[in-house]
Amino acid sequence: MSSTEQPVEEVSKAVPATTTPPKLNSVNYSHLGGFITNFLFTYGVGTLNVLPGTSDVGDISDKYQAIVSPAGSAFSIWGLIFMSQAAFTIAQMLPKFRSKPVVQEMKYYWLFVCLAQSAWSIFFGYEMIAVAMVAIFMIFFGLLAVVLKQYFANLERTLVEFWLFRFPFMIHCGWLTAASILNVNLVFIKNNSSAEVQLTVGIISLAILHAISVVWLVLPKYPVYTIPCVLIWANSWIGVELENPQDQIQDRFGDLVVTGIKNAAYSVAVIISIQVISRALLAIYMKFFKKSNDIEESTPTSEEDSAV
């Protein structure tokens, strides 16, 4: 054998075998189809009013104004939601990501969310507020399933994974938390409930938003910060709206109540902010300082320490 020849076994080791990229499956296609459907219905029905007899979402929101309705600028968060979910939809089709657990473990819950949100656009456009409330809770629970499925998946816990694949659904879930509670308030307005009942529902709504933020910060093994931050956003814009309330709100509740709910909304936003910062500082302490202290304490300094 000449010096230039190599055994077949050595050549095969030197040249790595080419791996076939994973194929797109029904889950990947359901993510794509769901996003396209959701976008077309949300924009076409909610904004362009392509269905005869429907009204603009903004006009309906103004018509059924609640004491805890946020200012119109709050809804600009939809731009971030759709852009981040568009990025997700494209990325999850790529060979590098399509088979990742963070994508596949969502199953068809995201498709369910998109179909429910499309239905909500129709129901709300026709001012079927009670039916729209059912649809929006379906969206909320679907998003909750997506977030939890991703949370318990075999995650890599990288920045790319978080921002590209988990953040789009966390921010959506956070906003739908506030939107679902708001939709409940709209049902009472639609049914011409008294101002006292509407006020009670509004106060309970603020309490629920705070309680939900606490759950996400305390109960999971790894705290979820995105959803509480979205609830800070929602509560802040409720306060902003009540700085200069619509005439119907002013006439229905008066200065004292409006000012009280405004201050309460701002306070809830501040309280959640303090809780987010405190939980983040605790997480940093547990990860870096507590770990180093535990290592030092685990090293025995004497036979007595070792026995203990």
C-alpha atoms as a PDB file:
ATOM      1  CA  MET A   1       0.000   0.000   0.000  1.00  0.00           C
ATOM      2  CA  SER A   2       1.488   3.350  -1.007  1.00  0.00           C
ATOM      3  CA  SER A   3       1.891   6.155   1.505  1.00  0.00           C
ATOM      4  CA  THR A   4      -0.865   8.169  -0.180  1.00  0.00           C
ATOM      5  CA  GLU A   5      -3.459   5.461   0.209  1.00  0.00           C
ATOM      6  CA  GLN A   6      -5.657   5.294   3.287  1.00  0.00           C
ATOM      7  CA  PRO A   7      -7.757   2.433   4.603  1.00  0.00           C
ATOM      8  CA  VAL A   8     -11.418   2.665   3.705  1.00  0.00           C
ATOM      9  CA  GLU A   9     -12.319   2.790   7.400  1.00  0.00           C
ATOM     10  CA  GLU A  10     -10.107   5.837   8.008  1.00  0.00           C
ATOM     11  CA  VAL A  11     -11.534   7.662   4.977  1.00  0.00           C
ATOM     12  CA  SER A  12     -15.085   7.082   6.201  1.00  0.00           C
ATOM     13  CA  LYS A  13     -14.131   8.523   9.572  1.00  0.00           C
ATOM     14  CA  ALA A  14     -12.539  11.580   8.033  1.00  0.00           C
ATOM     15  CA  VAL A  15     -15.636  12.464   5.994  1.00  0.00           C
ATOM     16  CA  PRO A  16     -18.677  12.951   8.262  1.00  0.00           C
ATOM     17  CA  ALA A  17     -21.894  11.418   7.067  1.00  0.00           C
ATOM     18  CA  THR A  18     -24.451  13.917   5.820  1.00  0.00           C
ATOM     19  CA  THR A  19     -27.585  14.063   7.955  1.00  0.00           C
ATOM     20  CA  THR A  20     -30.967  14.599   6.382  1.00  0.00           C
ATOM     21  CA  PRO A  21     -32.708  17.659   7.854  1.00  0.00           C
ATOM     22  CA  PRO A  22     -35.971  16.895   9.648  1.00  0.00           C
ATOM     23  CA  LYS A  23     -39.050  17.161   7.491  1.00  0.00           C
ATOM     24  CA  LEU A  24     -41.888  19.587   8.035  1.00  0.00           C
ATOM     25  CA  ASN A  25     -44.822  17.906   9.696  1.00  0.00           C
ATOM     26  CA  SER A  26     -48.475  18.657  10.389  1.00  0.00           C
ATOM     27  CA  VAL A  27     -47.617  20.665  13.522  1.00  0.00           C
ATOM     28  CA  ASN A  28     -45.362  23.014  11.534  1.00  0.00           C
ATOM     29  CA  TYR A  29     -47.998  23.480   8.854  1.00  0.00           C
ATOM     30  CA  SER A  30     -50.698  24.087  11.473  1.00  0.00           C
ATOM     31  CA  HIS A  31     -48.594  26.916  12.940  1.00  0.00           C
ATOM     32  CA  LEU A  32     -48.251  28.492   9.502  1.00  0.00           C
ATOM     33  CA  GLY A  33     -51.896  28.085   8.551  1.00  0.00           C
ATOM     34  CA  GLY A  34     -53.098  29.303  11.923  1.00  0.00           C
ATOM     35  CA  PHE A  35     -51.062  32.495  11.801  1.00  0.00           C
ATOM     36  CA  ILE A  36     -52.190  33.355   8.271  1.00  0.00           C
ATOM     37  CA  THR A  37     -55.839  32.706   9.155  1.00  0.00           C
ATOM     38  CA  ASN A  38     -55.612  34.761  12.334  1.00  0.00           C
ATOM     39  CA  PHE A  39     -53.959  37.686  10.576  1.00  0.00           C
ATOM     40  CA  LEU A  40     -56.486  37.748   7.745  1.00  0.00           C
ATOM     41  CA  PHE A  41     -59.500  37.636  10.060  1.00  0.00           C
ATOM     42  CA  THR A  42     -58.107  40.069  12.625  1.00  0.00           C
ATOM     43  CA  TYR A  43     -57.137  42.624  10.020  1.00  0.00           C
ATOM     44  CA  GLY A  44     -59.917  41.960   7.518  1.00  0.00           C
ATOM     45  CA  VAL A  45     -62.834  41.784   9.937  1.00  0.00           C
ATOM     46  CA  GLY A  46     -61.558  43.876  12.834  1.00  0.00           C
ATOM     47  CA  THR A  47     -60.038  46.721  10.797  1.00  0.00           C
ATOM     48  CA  LEU A  48     -61.303  46.619   7.209  1.00  0.00           C
ATOM     49  CA  ASN A  49     -64.809  45.365   8.094  1.00  0.00           C
ATOM     50  CA  VAL A  50     -64.938  43.107   5.057  1.00  0.00           C
ATOM     51  CA  LEU A  51     -67.991  41.322   6.470  1.00  0.00           C
ATOM     52  CA  PRO A  52     -71.189  43.327   5.919  1.00  0.00           C
ATOM     53  CA  GLY A  53     -72.708  44.739   9.067  1.00  0.00           C
ATOM     54  CA  THR A  54     -69.572  44.550  11.190  1.00  0.00           C
ATOM     55  CA  SER A  55     -68.056  47.549  12.981  1.00  0.00           C
ATOM     56  CA  ASP A  56     -64.486  48.533  13.719  1.00  0.00           C
ATOM     57  CA  VAL A  57     -63.128  47.004  16.923  1.00  0.00           C
ATOM     58  CA  GLY A  58     -62.056  50.424  18.158  1.00  0.00           C
ATOM     59  CA  ASP A  59     -65.523  51.905  17.607  1.00  0.00           C
ATOM     60  CA  ILE A  60     -67.162  49.039  19.492  1.00  0.00           C
ATOM     61  CA  SER A  61     -64.689  49.417  22.342  1.00  0.00           C
ATOM     62  CA  ASP A  62     -65.562  53.104  22.601  1.00  0.00           C
ATOM     63  CA  LYS A  63     -69.270  52.272  22.536  1.00  0.00           C
ATOM     64  CA  TYR A  64     -68.956  49.801  25.416  1.00  0.00           C
ATOM     65  CA  GLN A  65     -66.535  51.756  27.552  1.00  0.00           C
ATOM     66  CA  ALA A  66     -65.782  50.182  30.949  1.00  0.00           C
ATOM     67  CA  ILE A  67     -64.302  51.774  34.038  1.00  0.00           C
ATOM     68  CA  VAL A  68     -61.220  49.556  33.455  1.00  0.00           C
ATOM     69  CA  SER A  69     -60.910  50.075  29.696  1.00  0.00           C
ATOM     70  CA  PRO A  70     -57.323  51.018  28.799  1.00  0.00           C
ATOM     71  CA  ALA A  71     -56.472  53.962  26.574  1.00  0.00           C
ATOM     72  CA  GLY A  72     -56.389  53.271  22.846  1.00  0.00           C
ATOM     73  CA  SER A  73     -52.588  53.421  22.750  1.00  0.00           C
ATOM     74  CA  ALA A  74     -52.458  50.264  24.874  1.00  0.00           C
ATOM     75  CA  PHE A  75     -53.663  48.250  21.888  1.00  0.00           C
ATOM     76  CA  SER A  76     -50.452  49.090  20.012  1.00  0.00           C
ATOM     77  CA  ILE A  77     -49.092  45.990  21.726  1.00  0.00           C
ATOM     78  CA  TRP A  78     -50.825  43.999  18.989  1.00  0.00           C
ATOM     79  CA  GLY A  79     -48.129  45.201  16.596  1.00  0.00           C
ATOM     80  CA  LEU A  80     -45.448  43.554  18.740  1.00  0.00           C
ATOM     81  CA  ILE A  81     -47.559  40.424  19.173  1.00  0.00           C
ATOM     82  CA  PHE A  82     -48.103  39.926  15.451  1.00  0.00           C
ATOM     83  CA  MET A  83     -44.520  40.785  14.483  1.00  0.00           C
ATOM     84  CA  SER A  84     -43.053  38.378  17.034  1.00  0.00           C
ATOM     85  CA  GLN A  85     -45.472  35.638  16.001  1.00  0.00           C
ATOM     86  CA  ALA A  86     -44.654  36.232  12.339  1.00  0.00           C
ATOM     87  CA  ALA A  87     -40.976  35.721  13.200  1.00  0.00           C
ATOM     88  CA  PHE A  88     -41.882  32.546  15.055  1.00  0.00           C
ATOM     89  CA  THR A  89     -43.968  31.256  12.146  1.00  0.00           C
ATOM     90  CA  ILE A  90     -41.107  31.728   9.692  1.00  0.00           C
ATOM     91  CA  ALA A  91     -38.402  30.390  12.016  1.00  0.00           C
ATOM     92  CA  GLN A  92     -40.297  27.227  12.944  1.00  0.00           C
ATOM     93  CA  MET A  93     -40.402  26.269   9.258  1.00  0.00           C
ATOM     94  CA  LEU A  94     -36.587  26.312   8.967  1.00  0.00           C
ATOM     95  CA  PRO A  95     -34.661  23.016   9.137  1.00  0.00           C
ATOM     96  CA  LYS A  96     -32.679  24.185  12.173  1.00  0.00           C
ATOM     97  CA  PHE A  97     -35.748  24.755  14.329  1.00  0.00           C
ATOM     98  CA  ARG A  98     -38.698  22.810  12.907  1.00  0.00           C
ATOM     99  CA  SER A  99     -38.222  19.726  15.085  1.00  0.00           C
ATOM    100  CA  LYS A 100     -37.280  21.524  18.317  1.00  0.00           C
ATOM    101  CA  PRO A 101     -39.359  20.511  21.372  1.00  0.00           C
ATOM    102  CA  VAL A 102     -40.282  24.165  21.970  1.00  0.00           C
ATOM    103  CA  VAL A 103     -42.014  24.064  18.561  1.00  0.00           C
ATOM    104  CA  GLN A 104     -43.393  20.541  18.489  1.00  0.00           C
ATOM    105  CA  GLU A 105     -44.684  20.370  22.072  1.00  0.00           C
ATOM    106  CA  MET A 106     -47.189  23.120  21.263  1.00  0.00           C
ATOM    107  CA  LYS A 107     -49.079  20.501  19.257  1.00  0.00           C
ATOM    108  CA  TYR A 108     -52.215  22.069  17.736  1.00  0.00           C
ATOM    109  CA  TYR A 109     -53.016  24.457  20.567  1.00  0.00           C
ATOM    110  CA  TRP A 110     -51.682  27.413  18.590  1.00  0.00           C
ATOM    111  CA  LEU A 111     -53.974  26.545  15.680  1.00  0.00           C
ATOM    112  CA  PHE A 112     -56.850  26.396  18.172  1.00  0.00           C
ATOM    113  CA  VAL A 113     -55.908  29.868  19.459  1.00  0.00           C
ATOM    114  CA  CYS A 114     -55.824  31.311  15.948  1.00  0.00           C
ATOM    115  CA  LEU A 115     -59.208  29.857  15.008  1.00  0.00           C
ATOM    116  CA  ALA A 116     -60.764  31.062  18.274  1.00  0.00           C
ATOM    117  CA  GLN A 117     -59.331  34.543  17.747  1.00  0.00           C
ATOM    118  CA  SER A 118     -60.706  34.621  14.206  1.00  0.00           C
ATOM    119  CA  ALA A 119     -64.112  33.685  15.597  1.00  0.00           C
ATOM    120  CA  TRP A 120     -63.830  36.406  18.247  1.00  0.00           C
ATOM    121  CA  SER A 121     -63.225  39.012  15.530  1.00  0.00           C
ATOM    122  CA  ILE A 122     -66.506  38.023  13.904  1.00  0.00           C
ATOM    123  CA  PHE A 123     -68.547  37.886  17.117  1.00  0.00           C
ATOM    124  CA  PHE A 124     -67.167  41.178  18.417  1.00  0.00           C
ATOM    125  CA  GLY A 125     -67.619  42.816  15.027  1.00  0.00           C
ATOM    126  CA  TYR A 126     -71.325  42.003  15.198  1.00  0.00           C
ATOM    127  CA  GLU A 127     -71.465  43.196  18.842  1.00  0.00           C
ATOM    128  CA  MET A 128     -72.259  39.712  20.113  1.00  0.00           C
ATOM    129  CA  ILE A 129     -70.444  40.576  23.333  1.00  0.00           C
ATOM    130  CA  ALA A 130     -71.446  37.533  25.416  1.00  0.00           C
ATOM    131  CA  VAL A 131     -70.483  35.096  22.652  1.00  0.00           C
ATOM    132  CA  ALA A 132     -67.281  37.049  22.101  1.00  0.00           C
ATOM    133  CA  MET A 133     -66.523  36.583  25.813  1.00  0.00           C
ATOM    134  CA  VAL A 134     -66.742  32.809  25.385  1.00  0.00           C
ATOM    135  CA  ALA A 135     -64.416  33.013  22.382  1.00  0.00           C
ATOM    136  CA  ILE A 136     -61.883  35.191  24.176  1.00  0.00           C
ATOM    137  CA  PHE A 137     -61.710  32.774  27.102  1.00  0.00           C
ATOM    138  CA  MET A 138     -61.105  29.996  24.589  1.00  0.00           C
ATOM    139  CA  ILE A 139     -58.200  32.070  23.235  1.00  0.00           C
ATOM    140  CA  PHE A 140     -56.884  32.651  26.748  1.00  0.00           C
ATOM    141  CA  PHE A 141     -56.963  28.994  27.781  1.00  0.00           C
ATOM    142  CA  GLY A 142     -55.441  27.980  24.438  1.00  0.00           C
ATOM    143  CA  LEU A 143     -52.574  30.414  24.980  1.00  0.00           C
ATOM    144  CA  LEU A 144     -52.193  29.188  28.545  1.00  0.00           C
ATOM    145  CA  ALA A 145     -51.816  25.661  27.176  1.00  0.00           C
ATOM    146  CA  VAL A 146     -49.191  26.842  24.660  1.00  0.00           C
ATOM    147  CA  VAL A 147     -47.174  28.651  27.339  1.00  0.00           C
ATOM    148  CA  LEU A 148     -47.313  25.679  29.720  1.00  0.00           C
ATOM    149  CA  LYS A 149     -46.508  23.152  26.985  1.00  0.00           C
ATOM    150  CA  GLN A 150     -43.411  25.172  26.112  1.00  0.00           C
ATOM    151  CA  TYR A 151     -42.563  25.722  29.774  1.00  0.00           C
ATOM    152  CA  PHE A 152     -42.422  21.982  30.508  1.00  0.00           C
ATOM    153  CA  ALA A 153     -40.763  21.025  27.201  1.00  0.00           C
ATOM    154  CA  ASN A 154     -37.130  19.964  26.981  1.00  0.00           C
ATOM    155  CA  LEU A 155     -35.863  23.530  26.628  1.00  0.00           C
ATOM    156  CA  GLU A 156     -32.392  24.730  25.715  1.00  0.00           C
ATOM    157  CA  ARG A 157     -32.987  27.968  27.669  1.00  0.00           C
ATOM    158  CA  THR A 158     -31.066  30.161  25.249  1.00  0.00           C
ATOM    159  CA  LEU A 159     -31.851  33.771  24.359  1.00  0.00           C
ATOM    160  CA  VAL A 160     -32.730  32.755  20.794  1.00  0.00           C
ATOM    161  CA  GLU A 161     -35.151  30.133  22.064  1.00  0.00           C
ATOM    162  CA  PHE A 162     -36.822  32.572  24.439  1.00  0.00           C
ATOM    163  CA  TRP A 163     -37.198  35.588  22.157  1.00  0.00           C
ATOM    164  CA  LEU A 164     -38.023  33.679  18.989  1.00  0.00           C
ATOM    165  CA  PHE A 165     -40.177  30.837  20.270  1.00  0.00           C
ATOM    166  CA  ARG A 166     -41.507  31.599  23.766  1.00  0.00           C
ATOM    167  CA  PHE A 167     -41.820  35.377  24.046  1.00  0.00           C
ATOM    168  CA  PRO A 168     -44.452  35.709  21.259  1.00  0.00           C
ATOM    169  CA  PHE A 169     -46.899  33.539  23.181  1.00  0.00           C
ATOM    170  CA  MET A 170     -46.089  34.882  26.633  1.00  0.00           C
ATOM    171  CA  ILE A 171     -46.788  38.458  25.579  1.00  0.00           C
ATOM    172  CA  HIS A 172     -49.970  37.328  23.806  1.00  0.00           C
ATOM    173  CA  CYS A 173     -51.079  35.378  26.885  1.00  0.00           C
ATOM    174  CA  GLY A 174     -50.412  38.394  29.091  1.00  0.00           C
ATOM    175  CA  TRP A 175     -52.477  40.681  26.906  1.00  0.00           C
ATOM    176  CA  LEU A 176     -55.301  38.152  26.570  1.00  0.00           C
ATOM    177  CA  THR A 177     -55.373  37.899  30.356  1.00  0.00           C
ATOM    178  CA  ALA A 178     -56.245  41.585  30.547  1.00  0.00           C
ATOM    179  CA  ALA A 179     -58.480  41.455  27.461  1.00  0.00           C
ATOM    180  CA  SER A 180     -60.501  38.525  28.836  1.00  0.00           C
ATOM    181  CA  ILE A 181     -61.154  40.362  32.095  1.00  0.00           C
ATOM    182  CA  LEU A 182     -62.123  43.476  30.133  1.00  0.00           C
ATOM    183  CA  ASN A 183     -64.537  41.470  27.976  1.00  0.00           C
ATOM    184  CA  VAL A 184     -66.340  40.344  31.144  1.00  0.00           C
ATOM    185  CA  ASN A 185     -66.863  44.007  32.034  1.00  0.00           C
ATOM    186  CA  LEU A 186     -68.287  44.657  28.564  1.00  0.00           C
ATOM    187  CA  VAL A 187     -70.935  41.969  29.064  1.00  0.00           C
ATOM    188  CA  PHE A 188     -72.283  43.846  32.091  1.00  0.00           C
ATOM    189  CA  ILE A 189     -72.319  47.096  30.101  1.00  0.00           C
ATOM    190  CA  LYS A 190     -74.087  45.401  27.206  1.00  0.00           C
ATOM    191  CA  ASN A 191     -76.757  44.156  29.633  1.00  0.00           C
ATOM    192  CA  ASN A 192     -77.237  47.675  31.054  1.00  0.00           C
ATOM    193  CA  SER A 193     -76.112  46.729  34.552  1.00  0.00           C
ATOM    194  CA  SER A 194     -76.178  49.458  37.171  1.00  0.00           C
ATOM    195  CA  ALA A 195     -73.164  51.663  37.824  1.00  0.00           C
ATOM    196  CA  GLU A 196     -72.704  49.954  41.196  1.00  0.00           C
ATOM    197  CA  VAL A 197     -72.464  46.528  39.566  1.00  0.00           C
ATOM    198  CA  GLN A 198     -70.098  47.787  36.886  1.00  0.00           C
ATOM    199  CA  LEU A 199     -67.886  49.395  39.511  1.00  0.00           C
ATOM    200  CA  THR A 200     -67.788  46.183  41.555  1.00  0.00           C
ATOM    201  CA  VAL A 201     -66.795  44.171  38.506  1.00  0.00           C
ATOM    202  CA  GLY A 202     -64.115  46.734  37.672  1.00  0.00           C
ATOM    203  CA  ILE A 203     -62.591  46.583  41.164  1.00  0.00           C
ATOM    204  CA  ILE A 204     -62.580  42.772  41.108  1.00  0.00           C
ATOM    205  CA  SER A 205     -60.924  42.920  37.688  1.00  0.00           C
ATOM    206  CA  LEU A 206     -57.968  44.911  39.033  1.00  0.00           C
ATOM    207  CA  ALA A 207     -57.615  42.459  41.924  1.00  0.00           C
ATOM    208  CA  ILE A 208     -57.635  39.472  39.555  1.00  0.00           C
ATOM    209  CA  LEU A 209     -54.977  41.019  37.308  1.00  0.00           C
ATOM    210  CA  HIS A 210     -52.721  41.502  40.318  1.00  0.00           C
ATOM    211  CA  ALA A 211     -53.345  37.976  41.615  1.00  0.00           C
ATOM    212  CA  ILE A 212     -52.499  36.435  38.234  1.00  0.00           C
ATOM    213  CA  SER A 213     -49.211  38.326  38.090  1.00  0.00           C
ATOM    214  CA  VAL A 214     -48.281  36.963  41.532  1.00  0.00           C
ATOM    215  CA  VAL A 215     -49.017  33.399  40.408  1.00  0.00           C
ATOM    216  CA  TRP A 216     -46.638  33.678  37.445  1.00  0.00           C
ATOM    217  CA  LEU A 217     -43.893  35.119  39.617  1.00  0.00           C
ATOM    218  CA  VAL A 218     -44.175  32.736  42.566  1.00  0.00           C
ATOM    219  CA  LEU A 219     -45.541  29.328  41.589  1.00  0.00           C
ATOM    220  CA  PRO A 220     -43.384  28.193  38.645  1.00  0.00           C
ATOM    221  CA  LYS A 221     -39.931  26.723  39.241  1.00  0.00           C
ATOM    222  CA  TYR A 222     -38.623  29.323  36.818  1.00  0.00           C
ATOM    223  CA  PRO A 223     -40.551  32.588  37.265  1.00  0.00           C
ATOM    224  CA  VAL A 224     -42.307  34.046  34.228  1.00  0.00           C
ATOM    225  CA  TYR A 225     -41.718  37.798  33.960  1.00  0.00           C
ATOM    226  CA  THR A 226     -43.242  38.607  30.571  1.00  0.00           C
ATOM    227  CA  ILE A 227     -46.883  38.126  31.561  1.00  0.00           C
ATOM    228  CA  PRO A 228     -46.692  40.307  34.702  1.00  0.00           C
ATOM    229  CA  CYS A 229     -44.895  42.984  32.660  1.00  0.00           C
ATOM    230  CA  VAL A 230     -47.766  42.987  30.162  1.00  0.00           C
ATOM    231  CA  LEU A 231     -50.194  43.393  33.071  1.00  0.00           C
ATOM    232  CA  ILE A 232     -48.153  46.405  34.216  1.00  0.00           C
ATOM    233  CA  TRP A 233     -48.672  47.800  30.715  1.00  0.00           C
ATOM    234  CA  ALA A 234     -52.431  47.153  30.830  1.00  0.00           C
ATOM    235  CA  ASN A 235     -52.953  48.673  34.285  1.00  0.00           C
ATOM    236  CA  SER A 236     -50.874  51.727  33.413  1.00  0.00           C
ATOM    237  CA  TRP A 237     -52.995  52.454  30.350  1.00  0.00           C
ATOM    238  CA  ILE A 238     -56.185  52.026  32.393  1.00  0.00           C
ATOM    239  CA  GLY A 239     -54.892  54.828  34.591  1.00  0.00           C
ATOM    240  CA  VAL A 240     -53.971  56.934  31.570  1.00  0.00           C
ATOM    241  CA  GLU A 241     -57.473  56.533  30.127  1.00  0.00           C
ATOM    242  CA  LEU A 242     -59.018  57.753  33.380  1.00  0.00           C
ATOM    243  CA  GLU A 243     -56.843  60.869  33.389  1.00  0.00           C
ATOM    244  CA  ASN A 244     -59.235  62.190  30.760  1.00  0.00           C
ATOM    245  CA  PRO A 245     -62.227  59.814  30.776  1.00  0.00           C
ATOM    246  CA  GLN A 246     -64.957  59.702  28.191  1.00  0.00           C
ATOM    247  CA  ASP A 247     -68.157  61.576  28.980  1.00  0.00           C
ATOM    248  CA  GLN A 248     -70.104  58.348  29.485  1.00  0.00           C
ATOM    249  CA  ILE A 249     -67.646  57.188  32.171  1.00  0.00           C
ATOM    250  CA  GLN A 250     -67.611  60.585  33.843  1.00  0.00           C
ATOM    251  CA  ASP A 251     -71.407  60.792  33.890  1.00  0.00           C
ATOM    252  CA  ARG A 252     -71.850  57.207  35.052  1.00  0.00           C
ATOM    253  CA  PHE A 253     -69.380  57.218  37.955  1.00  0.00           C
ATOM    254  CA  GLY A 254     -68.471  60.793  38.843  1.00  0.00           C
ATOM    255  CA  ASP A 255     -65.139  62.368  39.782  1.00  0.00           C
ATOM    256  CA  LEU A 256     -64.626  60.529  43.064  1.00  0.00           C
ATOM    257  CA  VAL A 257     -64.998  57.020  41.651  1.00  0.00           C
ATOM    258  CA  VAL A 258     -63.048  57.779  38.470  1.00  0.00           C
ATOM    259  CA  THR A 259     -60.151  59.195  40.477  1.00  0.00           C
ATOM    260  CA  GLY A 260     -60.227  56.240  42.859  1.00  0.00           C
ATOM    261  CA  ILE A 261     -60.098  53.620  40.084  1.00  0.00           C
ATOM    262  CA  LYS A 262     -57.403  55.611  38.284  1.00  0.00           C
ATOM    263  CA  ASN A 263     -55.234  55.636  41.405  1.00  0.00           C
ATOM    264  CA  ALA A 264     -55.959  51.955  42.006  1.00  0.00           C
ATOM    265  CA  ALA A 265     -54.899  51.028  38.458  1.00  0.00           C
ATOM    266  CA  TYR A 266     -51.661  52.977  38.791  1.00  0.00           C
ATOM    267  CA  SER A 267     -51.063  51.394  42.200  1.00  0.00           C
ATOM    268  CA  VAL A 268     -51.532  47.874  40.852  1.00  0.00           C
ATOM    269  CA  ALA A 269     -49.025  48.669  38.080  1.00  0.00           C
ATOM    270  CA  VAL A 270     -46.505  49.913  40.665  1.00  0.00           C
ATOM    271  CA  ILE A 271     -47.060  46.935  42.980  1.00  0.00           C
ATOM    272  CA  ILE A 272     -46.569  44.427  40.157  1.00  0.00           C
ATOM    273  CA  SER A 273     -43.414  46.318  39.100  1.00  0.00           C
ATOM    274  CA  ILE A 274     -42.004  46.025  42.620  1.00  0.00           C
ATOM    275  CA  GLN A 275     -42.844  42.330  42.699  1.00  0.00           C
ATOM    276  CA  VAL A 276     -41.183  41.706  39.318  1.00  0.00           C
ATOM    277  CA  ILE A 277     -38.010  43.495  40.399  1.00  0.00           C
ATOM    278  CA  SER A 278     -37.969  41.742  43.774  1.00  0.00           C
ATOM    279  CA  ARG A 279     -38.439  38.308  42.185  1.00  0.00           C
ATOM    280  CA  ALA A 280     -35.698  39.014  39.660  1.00  0.00           C
ATOM    281  CA  LEU A 281     -33.286  40.090  42.406  1.00  0.00           C
ATOM    282  CA  LEU A 282     -34.135  36.961  44.393  1.00  0.00           C
ATOM    283  CA  ALA A 283     -33.478  34.804  41.320  1.00  0.00           C
ATOM    284  CA  ILE A 284     -30.088  36.483  40.807  1.00  0.00           C
ATOM    285  CA  TYR A 285     -29.200  35.929  44.457  1.00  0.00           C
ATOM    286  CA  MET A 286     -30.236  32.260  44.375  1.00  0.00           C
ATOM    287  CA  LYS A 287     -28.320  31.622  41.165  1.00  0.00           C
ATOM    288  CA  PHE A 288     -25.040  33.339  41.947  1.00  0.00           C
ATOM    289  CA  PHE A 289     -24.603  34.183  45.634  1.00  0.00           C
ATOM    290  CA  LYS A 290     -26.545  31.401  47.371  1.00  0.00           C
ATOM    291  CA  LYS A 291     -24.898  28.784  45.161  1.00  0.00           C
ATOM    292  CA  SER A 292     -21.386  29.949  46.025  1.00  0.00           C
ATOM    293  CA  ASN A 293     -22.262  30.060  49.736  1.00  0.00           C
ATOM    294  CA  ASP A 294     -23.647  26.525  49.599  1.00  0.00           C
ATOM    295  CA  ILE A 295     -20.420  25.274  48.013  1.00  0.00           C
ATOM    296  CA  GLU A 296     -18.347  26.855  50.769  1.00  0.00           C
ATOM    297  CA  GLU A 297     -20.591  25.491  53.502  1.00  0.00           C
ATOM    298  CA  SER A 298     -20.540  21.980  52.009  1.00  0.00           C
ATOM    299  CA  THR A 299     -16.732  21.761  52.511  1.00  0.00           C
ATOM    300  CA  PRO A 300     -16.175  20.225  56.003  1.00  0.00           C
ATOM    301  CA  THR A 301     -13.711  22.099  58.208  1.00  0.00           C
ATOM    302  CA  SER A 302     -13.376  19.381  60.854  1.00  0.00           C
ATOM    303  CA  GLU A 303     -14.387  15.819  61.683  1.00  0.00           C
ATOM    304  CA  GLU A 304     -17.360  17.204  63.641  1.00  0.00           C
ATOM    305  CA  ASP A 305     -18.560  19.191  60.635  1.00  0.00           C
ATOM    306  CA  SER A 306     -18.177  16.135  58.438  1.00  0.00           C
ATOM    307  CA  ALA A 307     -20.218  13.982  60.792  1.00  0.00           C
ATOM    308  CA  VAL A 308     -22.988  16.549  60.926  1.00  0.00           C
END
